[in-house]
Amino acid sequence: MRIALDAMGGDDAPEQIVAGAIEAIEHLSSDDELILVGPEETVEAHLPPAGSRRGKISVFHAPDVIGMDAAPIESLRKKPKSSIAVLAKLAKRGQVDAVISAGNTGACVAAFQMRMRNLPGVVRPGIAVVFPTPDGPVTICDVGANIACKPIHLYQYGAMASVYSKNLLGIENPRVGLMSIGSEDAKGNELVKKALEMMKSDSNMNFVGNVEGKDIFSGACEVVITEGFVGNVILKLTESLVDGLFRAIRDELMEEKLQLAMEFKPVMKRIYTKYDYSEYGGALLLGVNGTAVICHGSSQSKMIKNAILASKRFDTKKINDRIVEYLSGTSAGTTDE
């Protein structure tokens, strides 16, 4: 499998991107290839000399970089040789089987959708992220690709995320919930109410109705559907809350007694590892005709490594084929309303 990485995407690029690629080598098969996309001299300076540690890593020259705070569409137009734009072009030409970036999310979504196109039947792609919870992994879609949703988009996110949860996470019949301000059918805005009816009409979807924010960690469902604005707020709030909670516990233990803190250190480490979202390796852009993984801007080498491995699992499990099969077998989402 040929996997291309945006070597210049993220707050700590290219160091952490290159390090993640090197860490992934030992977990890949002999016929896998990693292509780092970015300014050749810059990227090569962070790579070891050709040899066993470097493995099958090559560099594809892309002289320009789109900043994390840059306007996505305008930047893609002005910088056609940026690492993100080149990634998308490589995928379009069939030169790579998967693309991964921790760069500007808006630019990634725009470039991948424009170049790779959507899967047959998919109206808009959505970013699916996995939340570790006490009751198992919960997939949330969308977390930032689409902030101007229509009911059909939310319905299709439910279908795609359900396929993802079943075939990639191993959940036999994932329950799908629609994010709202109350569990009753009458709650929510017009978008939520119309999407609710579409989801209820699909007998193939294990739809449990509206859910609230508290239900993400309560075991109410394995898939949560929302539009990108709310999803992105949920994602970043949760990340910050988890990090703050661990710091607070650590500080309280240290305040109480150093010995107590040392005794609890292995327990805290196990808990942190269990709920570390980086273990899932970024978020898949569901609905594009190919494999595209979007990572957090602050991604370190561990997440990049796991993103590479996640892209392999996605491709191996033929998730896109299963999404097309699901959507072609239902009439619930055949109109762009």
C-alpha atoms as a PDB file:
ATOM      1  CA  MET A   1       0.000   0.000   0.000  1.00  0.00           C
ATOM      2  CA  ARG A   2       1.266   3.493  -0.881  1.00  0.00           C
ATOM      3  CA  ILE A   3       0.588   6.014   1.881  1.00  0.00           C
ATOM      4  CA  ALA A   4       1.351   9.720   1.431  1.00  0.00           C
ATOM      5  CA  LEU A   5       1.879  12.034   4.402  1.00  0.00           C
ATOM      6  CA  ASP A   6       1.817  15.809   4.513  1.00  0.00           C
ATOM      7  CA  ALA A   7       5.288  16.326   5.981  1.00  0.00           C
ATOM      8  CA  MET A   8       4.594  20.016   6.622  1.00  0.00           C
ATOM      9  CA  GLY A   9       1.169  19.676   8.246  1.00  0.00           C
ATOM     10  CA  GLY A  10       0.820  20.362  11.966  1.00  0.00           C
ATOM     11  CA  ASP A  11       2.295  22.481  14.722  1.00  0.00           C
ATOM     12  CA  ASP A  12       5.437  20.345  15.010  1.00  0.00           C
ATOM     13  CA  ALA A  13       6.092  19.535  11.373  1.00  0.00           C
ATOM     14  CA  PRO A  14       8.218  18.202   9.862  1.00  0.00           C
ATOM     15  CA  GLU A  15       9.994  16.703  12.908  1.00  0.00           C
ATOM     16  CA  GLN A  16       7.029  14.809  14.376  1.00  0.00           C
ATOM     17  CA  ILE A  17       5.626  13.762  10.999  1.00  0.00           C
ATOM     18  CA  VAL A  18       8.936  12.258   9.925  1.00  0.00           C
ATOM     19  CA  ALA A  19       9.401  10.624  13.339  1.00  0.00           C
ATOM     20  CA  GLY A  20       5.930   9.052  13.097  1.00  0.00           C
ATOM     21  CA  ALA A  21       6.716   7.682   9.653  1.00  0.00           C
ATOM     22  CA  ILE A  22       9.935   6.111  10.928  1.00  0.00           C
ATOM     23  CA  GLU A  23       8.112   4.598  13.934  1.00  0.00           C
ATOM     24  CA  ALA A  24       5.497   3.078  11.617  1.00  0.00           C
ATOM     25  CA  ILE A  25       8.044   1.268   9.423  1.00  0.00           C
ATOM     26  CA  GLU A  26       8.419  -1.750  11.698  1.00  0.00           C
ATOM     27  CA  HIS A  27       4.630  -2.260  11.718  1.00  0.00           C
ATOM     28  CA  LEU A  28       4.255  -2.242   7.927  1.00  0.00           C
ATOM     29  CA  SER A  29       4.692  -5.048   5.421  1.00  0.00           C
ATOM     30  CA  SER A  30       7.519  -5.216   2.918  1.00  0.00           C
ATOM     31  CA  ASP A  31       5.350  -4.013   0.032  1.00  0.00           C
ATOM     32  CA  ASP A  32       4.111  -0.880   1.852  1.00  0.00           C
ATOM     33  CA  GLU A  33       5.529   2.514   0.900  1.00  0.00           C
ATOM     34  CA  LEU A  34       5.493   5.850   2.733  1.00  0.00           C
ATOM     35  CA  ILE A  35       5.761   9.054   0.711  1.00  0.00           C
ATOM     36  CA  LEU A  36       6.521  12.260   2.601  1.00  0.00           C
ATOM     37  CA  VAL A  37       5.210  15.305   0.720  1.00  0.00           C
ATOM     38  CA  GLY A  38       6.909  18.635   1.298  1.00  0.00           C
ATOM     39  CA  PRO A  39      10.011  20.710   0.438  1.00  0.00           C
ATOM     40  CA  GLU A  40      12.546  18.036  -0.447  1.00  0.00           C
ATOM     41  CA  GLU A  41      15.597  19.509   1.265  1.00  0.00           C
ATOM     42  CA  THR A  42      13.685  20.309   4.455  1.00  0.00           C
ATOM     43  CA  VAL A  43      12.165  16.853   4.735  1.00  0.00           C
ATOM     44  CA  GLU A  44      15.354  14.992   3.824  1.00  0.00           C
ATOM     45  CA  ALA A  45      17.205  16.846   6.583  1.00  0.00           C
ATOM     46  CA  HIS A  46      15.010  15.075   9.156  1.00  0.00           C
ATOM     47  CA  LEU A  47      15.314  11.608   7.621  1.00  0.00           C
ATOM     48  CA  PRO A  48      18.060   9.090   8.406  1.00  0.00           C
ATOM     49  CA  PRO A  49      20.258   7.942   5.528  1.00  0.00           C
ATOM     50  CA  ALA A  50      18.838   5.245   3.272  1.00  0.00           C
ATOM     51  CA  GLY A  51      18.889   1.910   5.102  1.00  0.00           C
ATOM     52  CA  SER A  52      16.909  -0.397   7.297  1.00  0.00           C
ATOM     53  CA  ARG A  53      15.784   2.294   9.760  1.00  0.00           C
ATOM     54  CA  ARG A  54      14.496   4.473   6.958  1.00  0.00           C
ATOM     55  CA  GLY A  55      12.799   1.582   5.193  1.00  0.00           C
ATOM     56  CA  LYS A  56      10.685   2.357   2.149  1.00  0.00           C
ATOM     57  CA  ILE A  57      10.283   6.082   2.816  1.00  0.00           C
ATOM     58  CA  SER A  58      10.614   8.493  -0.094  1.00  0.00           C
ATOM     59  CA  VAL A  59      10.094  12.234  -0.500  1.00  0.00           C
ATOM     60  CA  PHE A  60       7.845  13.912  -3.075  1.00  0.00           C
ATOM     61  CA  HIS A  61       8.748  17.552  -3.585  1.00  0.00           C
ATOM     62  CA  ALA A  62       6.082  20.151  -2.771  1.00  0.00           C
ATOM     63  CA  PRO A  63       7.699  23.565  -2.239  1.00  0.00           C
ATOM     64  CA  ASP A  64       4.787  25.439  -0.636  1.00  0.00           C
ATOM     65  CA  VAL A  65       2.986  25.158   2.710  1.00  0.00           C
ATOM     66  CA  ILE A  66      -0.540  26.208   3.704  1.00  0.00           C
ATOM     67  CA  GLY A  67      -0.554  27.717   7.190  1.00  0.00           C
ATOM     68  CA  MET A  68      -2.837  26.431   9.930  1.00  0.00           C
ATOM     69  CA  ASP A  69      -4.694  29.769  10.056  1.00  0.00           C
ATOM     70  CA  ALA A  70      -4.852  30.355   6.288  1.00  0.00           C
ATOM     71  CA  ALA A  71      -8.120  30.669   4.350  1.00  0.00           C
ATOM     72  CA  PRO A  72      -8.578  27.148   2.855  1.00  0.00           C
ATOM     73  CA  ILE A  73     -10.000  27.779  -0.616  1.00  0.00           C
ATOM     74  CA  GLU A  74      -7.940  30.894  -1.310  1.00  0.00           C
ATOM     75  CA  SER A  75      -4.746  29.164  -0.156  1.00  0.00           C
ATOM     76  CA  LEU A  76      -5.348  26.146  -2.379  1.00  0.00           C
ATOM     77  CA  ARG A  77      -5.886  28.442  -5.341  1.00  0.00           C
ATOM     78  CA  LYS A  78      -2.775  30.518  -4.633  1.00  0.00           C
ATOM     79  CA  LYS A  79      -0.568  27.574  -3.655  1.00  0.00           C
ATOM     80  CA  PRO A  80      -1.239  24.712  -6.097  1.00  0.00           C
ATOM     81  CA  LYS A  81       2.167  23.240  -5.182  1.00  0.00           C
ATOM     82  CA  SER A  82       1.500  23.165  -1.439  1.00  0.00           C
ATOM     83  CA  SER A  83       1.896  19.861   0.362  1.00  0.00           C
ATOM     84  CA  ILE A  84      -1.878  19.509   0.888  1.00  0.00           C
ATOM     85  CA  ALA A  85      -2.704  20.255  -2.763  1.00  0.00           C
ATOM     86  CA  VAL A  86      -0.036  17.841  -3.977  1.00  0.00           C
ATOM     87  CA  LEU A  87      -1.324  15.120  -1.632  1.00  0.00           C
ATOM     88  CA  ALA A  88      -4.772  15.418  -3.185  1.00  0.00           C
ATOM     89  CA  LYS A  89      -3.366  15.355  -6.717  1.00  0.00           C
ATOM     90  CA  LEU A  90      -1.361  12.198  -6.004  1.00  0.00           C
ATOM     91  CA  ALA A  91      -4.535  10.502  -4.792  1.00  0.00           C
ATOM     92  CA  LYS A  92      -6.517  11.686  -7.805  1.00  0.00           C
ATOM     93  CA  ARG A  93      -3.917  10.280 -10.210  1.00  0.00           C
ATOM     94  CA  GLY A  94      -3.888   6.938  -8.408  1.00  0.00           C
ATOM     95  CA  GLN A  95      -0.242   7.341  -7.422  1.00  0.00           C
ATOM     96  CA  VAL A  96      -1.046   6.725  -3.743  1.00  0.00           C
ATOM     97  CA  ASP A  97      -3.691   4.673  -1.926  1.00  0.00           C
ATOM     98  CA  ALA A  98      -4.081   6.867   1.163  1.00  0.00           C
ATOM     99  CA  VAL A  99      -3.353  10.442   2.247  1.00  0.00           C
ATOM    100  CA  ILE A 100      -2.705  11.732   5.767  1.00  0.00           C
ATOM    101  CA  SER A 101      -2.356  15.305   7.014  1.00  0.00           C
ATOM    102  CA  ALA A 102      -2.236  17.142  10.337  1.00  0.00           C
ATOM    103  CA  GLY A 103      -2.398  20.438   8.484  1.00  0.00           C
ATOM    104  CA  ASN A 104      -5.155  22.995   7.882  1.00  0.00           C
ATOM    105  CA  THR A 105      -8.395  21.001   8.238  1.00  0.00           C
ATOM    106  CA  GLY A 106     -10.446  23.201   5.927  1.00  0.00           C
ATOM    107  CA  ALA A 107      -7.825  23.001   3.197  1.00  0.00           C
ATOM    108  CA  CYS A 108      -7.582  19.220   3.589  1.00  0.00           C
ATOM    109  CA  VAL A 109     -11.343  18.715   3.305  1.00  0.00           C
ATOM    110  CA  ALA A 110     -11.619  21.057   0.315  1.00  0.00           C
ATOM    111  CA  ALA A 111      -8.631  19.568  -1.528  1.00  0.00           C
ATOM    112  CA  PHE A 112      -9.534  15.934  -0.881  1.00  0.00           C
ATOM    113  CA  GLN A 113     -13.180  16.409  -1.847  1.00  0.00           C
ATOM    114  CA  MET A 114     -12.309  18.417  -4.959  1.00  0.00           C
ATOM    115  CA  ARG A 115      -9.618  16.045  -6.229  1.00  0.00           C
ATOM    116  CA  MET A 116     -10.676  12.635  -4.889  1.00  0.00           C
ATOM    117  CA  ARG A 117     -14.395  13.310  -5.367  1.00  0.00           C
ATOM    118  CA  ASN A 118     -17.172  11.722  -3.343  1.00  0.00           C
ATOM    119  CA  LEU A 119     -18.194   8.091  -3.261  1.00  0.00           C
ATOM    120  CA  PRO A 120     -21.233   7.267  -5.424  1.00  0.00           C
ATOM    121  CA  GLY A 121     -24.353   8.392  -3.590  1.00  0.00           C
ATOM    122  CA  VAL A 122     -22.537  10.514  -0.988  1.00  0.00           C
ATOM    123  CA  VAL A 123     -23.604  14.166  -0.938  1.00  0.00           C
ATOM    124  CA  ARG A 124     -21.037  15.587   1.513  1.00  0.00           C
ATOM    125  CA  PRO A 125     -18.125  13.924   3.322  1.00  0.00           C
ATOM    126  CA  GLY A 126     -17.805  14.112   7.094  1.00  0.00           C
ATOM    127  CA  ILE A 127     -14.949  13.753   9.550  1.00  0.00           C
ATOM    128  CA  ALA A 128     -15.399  10.799  11.906  1.00  0.00           C
ATOM    129  CA  VAL A 129     -13.456  10.757  15.166  1.00  0.00           C
ATOM    130  CA  VAL A 130     -13.420   7.980  17.769  1.00  0.00           C
ATOM    131  CA  PHE A 131     -13.873   8.843  21.456  1.00  0.00           C
ATOM    132  CA  PRO A 132     -12.614   6.293  23.996  1.00  0.00           C
ATOM    133  CA  THR A 133     -15.283   5.891  26.722  1.00  0.00           C
ATOM    134  CA  PRO A 134     -15.786   3.550  29.713  1.00  0.00           C
ATOM    135  CA  ASP A 135     -18.309   1.598  27.621  1.00  0.00           C
ATOM    136  CA  GLY A 136     -16.139   1.333  24.518  1.00  0.00           C
ATOM    137  CA  PRO A 137     -15.345   3.499  21.481  1.00  0.00           C
ATOM    138  CA  VAL A 138     -17.928   6.037  20.332  1.00  0.00           C
ATOM    139  CA  THR A 139     -17.711   7.416  16.783  1.00  0.00           C
ATOM    140  CA  ILE A 140     -18.763  11.038  16.284  1.00  0.00           C
ATOM    141  CA  CYS A 141     -19.444  12.456  12.822  1.00  0.00           C
ATOM    142  CA  ASP A 142     -19.095  15.255  11.742  1.00  0.00           C
ATOM    143  CA  VAL A 143     -16.451  17.153  13.727  1.00  0.00           C
ATOM    144  CA  GLY A 144     -15.609  19.944  11.326  1.00  0.00           C
ATOM    145  CA  ALA A 145     -15.967  19.180   7.623  1.00  0.00           C
ATOM    146  CA  ASN A 146     -19.460  20.602   7.166  1.00  0.00           C
ATOM    147  CA  ILE A 147     -20.936  23.437   9.258  1.00  0.00           C
ATOM    148  CA  ALA A 148     -23.829  24.087   6.851  1.00  0.00           C
ATOM    149  CA  CYS A 149     -25.586  20.735   7.005  1.00  0.00           C
ATOM    150  CA  LYS A 150     -28.791  19.595   5.385  1.00  0.00           C
ATOM    151  CA  PRO A 151     -30.851  16.671   6.730  1.00  0.00           C
ATOM    152  CA  ILE A 152     -29.499  14.349   4.021  1.00  0.00           C
ATOM    153  CA  HIS A 153     -25.960  15.046   5.193  1.00  0.00           C
ATOM    154  CA  LEU A 154     -26.747  14.054   8.783  1.00  0.00           C
ATOM    155  CA  TYR A 155     -28.579  10.939   7.635  1.00  0.00           C
ATOM    156  CA  GLN A 156     -25.635   9.869   5.486  1.00  0.00           C
ATOM    157  CA  TYR A 157     -23.208  10.570   8.326  1.00  0.00           C
ATOM    158  CA  GLY A 158     -25.271   8.130  10.365  1.00  0.00           C
ATOM    159  CA  ALA A 159     -25.069   5.510   7.644  1.00  0.00           C
ATOM    160  CA  MET A 160     -21.335   5.957   7.006  1.00  0.00           C
ATOM    161  CA  ALA A 161     -20.336   6.140  10.674  1.00  0.00           C
ATOM    162  CA  SER A 162     -22.430   3.054  11.406  1.00  0.00           C
ATOM    163  CA  VAL A 163     -20.588   1.117   8.679  1.00  0.00           C
ATOM    164  CA  TYR A 164     -17.280   2.425  10.048  1.00  0.00           C
ATOM    165  CA  SER A 165     -18.123   1.446  13.635  1.00  0.00           C
ATOM    166  CA  LYS A 166     -19.232  -2.052  12.646  1.00  0.00           C
ATOM    167  CA  ASN A 167     -16.440  -2.967  10.260  1.00  0.00           C
ATOM    168  CA  LEU A 168     -13.453  -1.115  11.681  1.00  0.00           C
ATOM    169  CA  LEU A 169     -14.204  -1.074  15.420  1.00  0.00           C
ATOM    170  CA  GLY A 170     -15.907  -4.467  15.533  1.00  0.00           C
ATOM    171  CA  ILE A 171     -19.248  -3.335  17.000  1.00  0.00           C
ATOM    172  CA  GLU A 172     -21.794  -5.752  15.576  1.00  0.00           C
ATOM    173  CA  ASN A 173     -24.886  -3.538  15.505  1.00  0.00           C
ATOM    174  CA  PRO A 174     -23.882   0.000  16.528  1.00  0.00           C
ATOM    175  CA  ARG A 175     -26.595   2.181  17.977  1.00  0.00           C
ATOM    176  CA  VAL A 176     -26.858   5.560  16.249  1.00  0.00           C
ATOM    177  CA  GLY A 177     -27.921   8.688  18.113  1.00  0.00           C
ATOM    178  CA  LEU A 178     -28.637  12.170  16.734  1.00  0.00           C
ATOM    179  CA  MET A 179     -27.222  15.038  18.817  1.00  0.00           C
ATOM    180  CA  SER A 180     -29.930  17.387  20.058  1.00  0.00           C
ATOM    181  CA  ILE A 181     -30.927  19.443  23.099  1.00  0.00           C
ATOM    182  CA  GLY A 182     -33.189  16.717  24.462  1.00  0.00           C
ATOM    183  CA  SER A 183     -34.048  13.083  23.852  1.00  0.00           C
ATOM    184  CA  GLU A 184     -37.659  13.756  22.849  1.00  0.00           C
ATOM    185  CA  ASP A 185     -38.490  13.771  19.124  1.00  0.00           C
ATOM    186  CA  ALA A 186     -39.936  17.280  19.394  1.00  0.00           C
ATOM    187  CA  LYS A 187     -36.655  18.742  20.638  1.00  0.00           C
ATOM    188  CA  GLY A 188     -34.085  20.377  18.358  1.00  0.00           C
ATOM    189  CA  ASN A 189     -34.119  22.719  15.378  1.00  0.00           C
ATOM    190  CA  GLU A 190     -35.619  22.013  11.961  1.00  0.00           C
ATOM    191  CA  LEU A 191     -32.401  20.400  10.735  1.00  0.00           C
ATOM    192  CA  VAL A 192     -32.421  17.889  13.584  1.00  0.00           C
ATOM    193  CA  LYS A 193     -36.159  17.180  13.285  1.00  0.00           C
ATOM    194  CA  LYS A 194     -35.957  16.452   9.547  1.00  0.00           C
ATOM    195  CA  ALA A 195     -32.822  14.346   9.930  1.00  0.00           C
ATOM    196  CA  LEU A 196     -34.557  12.437  12.752  1.00  0.00           C
ATOM    197  CA  GLU A 197     -37.381  11.410  10.418  1.00  0.00           C
ATOM    198  CA  MET A 198     -34.949  10.285   7.725  1.00  0.00           C
ATOM    199  CA  MET A 199     -33.004   8.148  10.176  1.00  0.00           C
ATOM    200  CA  LYS A 200     -36.162   6.644  11.642  1.00  0.00           C
ATOM    201  CA  SER A 201     -37.271   5.619   8.143  1.00  0.00           C
ATOM    202  CA  ASP A 202     -34.123   3.519   7.584  1.00  0.00           C
ATOM    203  CA  SER A 203     -34.820   0.035   8.927  1.00  0.00           C
ATOM    204  CA  ASN A 204     -31.201  -0.979   8.360  1.00  0.00           C
ATOM    205  CA  MET A 205     -29.923   1.620  10.814  1.00  0.00           C
ATOM    206  CA  ASN A 206     -30.014   0.852  14.529  1.00  0.00           C
ATOM    207  CA  PHE A 207     -31.253   4.349  15.281  1.00  0.00           C
ATOM    208  CA  VAL A 208     -32.044   5.124  18.937  1.00  0.00           C
ATOM    209  CA  GLY A 209     -33.309   8.681  18.446  1.00  0.00           C
ATOM    210  CA  ASN A 210     -32.070  11.964  19.825  1.00  0.00           C
ATOM    211  CA  VAL A 211     -29.216  12.007  22.330  1.00  0.00           C
ATOM    212  CA  GLU A 212     -27.712  14.768  24.456  1.00  0.00           C
ATOM    213  CA  GLY A 213     -24.113  15.724  25.109  1.00  0.00           C
ATOM    214  CA  LYS A 214     -24.039  13.702  28.319  1.00  0.00           C
ATOM    215  CA  ASP A 215     -24.927  10.541  26.416  1.00  0.00           C
ATOM    216  CA  ILE A 216     -21.549  10.400  24.635  1.00  0.00           C
ATOM    217  CA  PHE A 217     -19.956   8.942  27.766  1.00  0.00           C
ATOM    218  CA  SER A 218     -23.010   7.219  29.247  1.00  0.00           C
ATOM    219  CA  GLY A 219     -23.130   4.163  26.973  1.00  0.00           C
ATOM    220  CA  ALA A 220     -26.337   5.292  25.244  1.00  0.00           C
ATOM    221  CA  CYS A 221     -24.996   4.624  21.745  1.00  0.00           C
ATOM    222  CA  GLU A 222     -21.863   3.811  19.757  1.00  0.00           C
ATOM    223  CA  VAL A 223     -22.346   6.444  17.034  1.00  0.00           C
ATOM    224  CA  VAL A 224     -23.240  10.111  17.551  1.00  0.00           C
ATOM    225  CA  ILE A 225     -24.248  12.296  14.603  1.00  0.00           C
ATOM    226  CA  THR A 226     -24.056  16.075  14.533  1.00  0.00           C
ATOM    227  CA  GLU A 227     -23.202  18.916  12.204  1.00  0.00           C
ATOM    228  CA  GLY A 228     -19.602  20.051  12.005  1.00  0.00           C
ATOM    229  CA  PHE A 229     -19.825  23.194  14.142  1.00  0.00           C
ATOM    230  CA  VAL A 230     -21.238  21.418  17.179  1.00  0.00           C
ATOM    231  CA  GLY A 231     -19.052  18.355  16.570  1.00  0.00           C
ATOM    232  CA  ASN A 232     -15.889  20.428  16.537  1.00  0.00           C
ATOM    233  CA  VAL A 233     -16.879  22.163  19.782  1.00  0.00           C
ATOM    234  CA  ILE A 234     -17.554  18.768  21.400  1.00  0.00           C
ATOM    235  CA  LEU A 235     -14.191  17.430  20.221  1.00  0.00           C
ATOM    236  CA  LYS A 236     -12.094  20.314  21.502  1.00  0.00           C
ATOM    237  CA  LEU A 237     -14.045  20.727  24.735  1.00  0.00           C
ATOM    238  CA  THR A 238     -13.623  17.038  25.533  1.00  0.00           C
ATOM    239  CA  GLU A 239      -9.895  17.073  24.766  1.00  0.00           C
ATOM    240  CA  SER A 240      -9.396  20.088  27.024  1.00  0.00           C
ATOM    241  CA  LEU A 241     -11.587  18.663  29.790  1.00  0.00           C
ATOM    242  CA  VAL A 242      -9.746  15.332  29.872  1.00  0.00           C
ATOM    243  CA  ASP A 243      -6.361  17.046  29.930  1.00  0.00           C
ATOM    244  CA  GLY A 244      -7.481  19.450  32.659  1.00  0.00           C
ATOM    245  CA  LEU A 245      -8.960  16.647  34.750  1.00  0.00           C
ATOM    246  CA  PHE A 246      -5.742  14.641  34.682  1.00  0.00           C
ATOM    247  CA  ARG A 247      -3.726  17.703  35.657  1.00  0.00           C
ATOM    248  CA  ALA A 248      -6.102  18.447  38.521  1.00  0.00           C
ATOM    249  CA  ILE A 249      -5.868  14.886  39.867  1.00  0.00           C
ATOM    250  CA  ARG A 250      -2.078  14.952  39.581  1.00  0.00           C
ATOM    251  CA  ASP A 251      -1.833  18.287  41.397  1.00  0.00           C
ATOM    252  CA  GLU A 252      -4.169  17.132  44.193  1.00  0.00           C
ATOM    253  CA  LEU A 253      -2.156  13.951  44.728  1.00  0.00           C
ATOM    254  CA  MET A 254       1.081  15.926  44.828  1.00  0.00           C
ATOM    255  CA  GLU A 255      -0.471  18.356  47.292  1.00  0.00           C
ATOM    256  CA  GLU A 256      -1.617  15.520  49.515  1.00  0.00           C
ATOM    257  CA  LYS A 257       1.591  13.537  49.616  1.00  0.00           C
ATOM    258  CA  LEU A 258       4.432  12.852  47.208  1.00  0.00           C
ATOM    259  CA  GLN A 259       4.493   9.170  48.132  1.00  0.00           C
ATOM    260  CA  LEU A 260       0.769   8.888  47.398  1.00  0.00           C
ATOM    261  CA  ALA A 261       1.298  10.477  44.002  1.00  0.00           C
ATOM    262  CA  MET A 262       4.071   8.019  43.196  1.00  0.00           C
ATOM    263  CA  GLU A 263       1.867   5.069  44.200  1.00  0.00           C
ATOM    264  CA  PHE A 264      -0.932   6.284  41.942  1.00  0.00           C
ATOM    265  CA  LYS A 265       1.357   7.006  38.972  1.00  0.00           C
ATOM    266  CA  PRO A 266       1.010   3.526  37.337  1.00  0.00           C
ATOM    267  CA  VAL A 267      -2.785   3.684  37.708  1.00  0.00           C
ATOM    268  CA  MET A 268      -2.964   7.153  36.186  1.00  0.00           C
ATOM    269  CA  LYS A 269      -0.742   6.035  33.320  1.00  0.00           C
ATOM    270  CA  ARG A 270      -3.028   3.074  32.535  1.00  0.00           C
ATOM    271  CA  ILE A 271      -6.127   5.259  32.619  1.00  0.00           C
ATOM    272  CA  TYR A 272      -4.520   7.910  30.416  1.00  0.00           C
ATOM    273  CA  THR A 273      -3.433   5.276  27.898  1.00  0.00           C
ATOM    274  CA  LYS A 274      -6.929   3.782  27.830  1.00  0.00           C
ATOM    275  CA  TYR A 275      -8.561   7.131  27.078  1.00  0.00           C
ATOM    276  CA  ASP A 276      -5.853   8.530  24.812  1.00  0.00           C
ATOM    277  CA  TYR A 277      -7.574   9.486  21.533  1.00  0.00           C
ATOM    278  CA  SER A 278      -4.232   9.421  19.713  1.00  0.00           C
ATOM    279  CA  GLU A 279      -4.387   5.614  19.882  1.00  0.00           C
ATOM    280  CA  TYR A 280      -6.999   5.758  17.110  1.00  0.00           C
ATOM    281  CA  GLY A 281      -4.682   7.691  14.798  1.00  0.00           C
ATOM    282  CA  GLY A 282      -6.620  10.704  13.641  1.00  0.00           C
ATOM    283  CA  ALA A 283     -10.010  11.037  11.980  1.00  0.00           C
ATOM    284  CA  LEU A 284     -11.159   9.529   8.706  1.00  0.00           C
ATOM    285  CA  LEU A 285     -12.857  11.729   6.137  1.00  0.00           C
ATOM    286  CA  LEU A 286     -15.804   9.472   5.406  1.00  0.00           C
ATOM    287  CA  GLY A 287     -17.423   9.758   1.999  1.00  0.00           C
ATOM    288  CA  VAL A 288     -14.490  10.624  -0.259  1.00  0.00           C
ATOM    289  CA  ASN A 289     -13.469   8.204  -2.978  1.00  0.00           C
ATOM    290  CA  GLY A 290     -10.281   7.041  -1.329  1.00  0.00           C
ATOM    291  CA  THR A 291      -8.646   6.884   2.091  1.00  0.00           C
ATOM    292  CA  ALA A 292      -8.040  10.253   3.751  1.00  0.00           C
ATOM    293  CA  VAL A 293      -7.028  10.711   7.382  1.00  0.00           C
ATOM    294  CA  ILE A 294      -7.016  14.119   9.076  1.00  0.00           C
ATOM    295  CA  CYS A 295      -4.960  14.411  12.265  1.00  0.00           C
ATOM    296  CA  HIS A 296      -4.952  16.936  15.080  1.00  0.00           C
ATOM    297  CA  GLY A 297      -2.742  19.963  14.440  1.00  0.00           C
ATOM    298  CA  SER A 298      -0.790  19.201  17.604  1.00  0.00           C
ATOM    299  CA  SER A 299      -0.129  15.599  16.546  1.00  0.00           C
ATOM    300  CA  GLN A 300       3.057  14.011  17.797  1.00  0.00           C
ATOM    301  CA  SER A 301       4.843  11.026  16.261  1.00  0.00           C
ATOM    302  CA  LYS A 302       2.618   8.491  18.063  1.00  0.00           C
ATOM    303  CA  MET A 303      -0.564   9.782  16.432  1.00  0.00           C
ATOM    304  CA  ILE A 304       1.093   9.957  13.008  1.00  0.00           C
ATOM    305  CA  LYS A 305       2.259   6.360  13.364  1.00  0.00           C
ATOM    306  CA  ASN A 306      -1.245   5.266  14.398  1.00  0.00           C
ATOM    307  CA  ALA A 307      -2.793   7.256  11.537  1.00  0.00           C
ATOM    308  CA  ILE A 308      -0.636   5.315   9.088  1.00  0.00           C
ATOM    309  CA  LEU A 309      -1.756   2.019  10.606  1.00  0.00           C
ATOM    310  CA  ALA A 310      -5.401   3.180  10.682  1.00  0.00           C
ATOM    311  CA  SER A 311      -5.290   4.019   6.970  1.00  0.00           C
ATOM    312  CA  LYS A 312      -4.138   0.449   6.286  1.00  0.00           C
ATOM    313  CA  ARG A 313      -7.012  -1.029   8.303  1.00  0.00           C
ATOM    314  CA  PHE A 314      -9.535   1.223   6.547  1.00  0.00           C
ATOM    315  CA  ASP A 315      -8.285   0.122   3.148  1.00  0.00           C
ATOM    316  CA  THR A 316      -8.054  -3.551   4.099  1.00  0.00           C
ATOM    317  CA  LYS A 317     -11.593  -3.647   5.488  1.00  0.00           C
ATOM    318  CA  LYS A 318     -12.962  -2.116   2.256  1.00  0.00           C
ATOM    319  CA  ILE A 319     -14.979   0.456   4.224  1.00  0.00           C
ATOM    320  CA  ASN A 320     -15.715   2.576   1.139  1.00  0.00           C
ATOM    321  CA  ASP A 321     -17.182  -0.404  -0.711  1.00  0.00           C
ATOM    322  CA  ARG A 322     -19.396  -1.151   2.279  1.00  0.00           C
ATOM    323  CA  ILE A 323     -20.578   2.470   2.478  1.00  0.00           C
ATOM    324  CA  VAL A 324     -21.543   2.467  -1.206  1.00  0.00           C
ATOM    325  CA  GLU A 325     -23.306  -0.873  -0.750  1.00  0.00           C
ATOM    326  CA  TYR A 326     -25.267   0.457   2.247  1.00  0.00           C
ATOM    327  CA  LEU A 327     -26.373   3.693   0.560  1.00  0.00           C
ATOM    328  CA  SER A 328     -27.332   1.949  -2.676  1.00  0.00           C
ATOM    329  CA  GLY A 329     -29.597  -0.399  -0.746  1.00  0.00           C
ATOM    330  CA  THR A 330     -31.784   2.268   0.869  1.00  0.00           C
ATOM    331  CA  SER A 331     -34.134   4.955  -0.379  1.00  0.00           C
ATOM    332  CA  ALA A 332     -34.039   6.959   2.864  1.00  0.00           C
ATOM    333  CA  GLY A 333     -31.385   9.351   1.614  1.00  0.00           C
ATOM    334  CA  THR A 334     -31.910   9.881  -2.082  1.00  0.00           C
ATOM    335  CA  THR A 335     -32.729  13.595  -2.084  1.00  0.00           C
ATOM    336  CA  ASP A 336     -30.556  16.604  -1.324  1.00  0.00           C
ATOM    337  CA  GLU A 337     -33.092  18.321   0.928  1.00  0.00           C
END
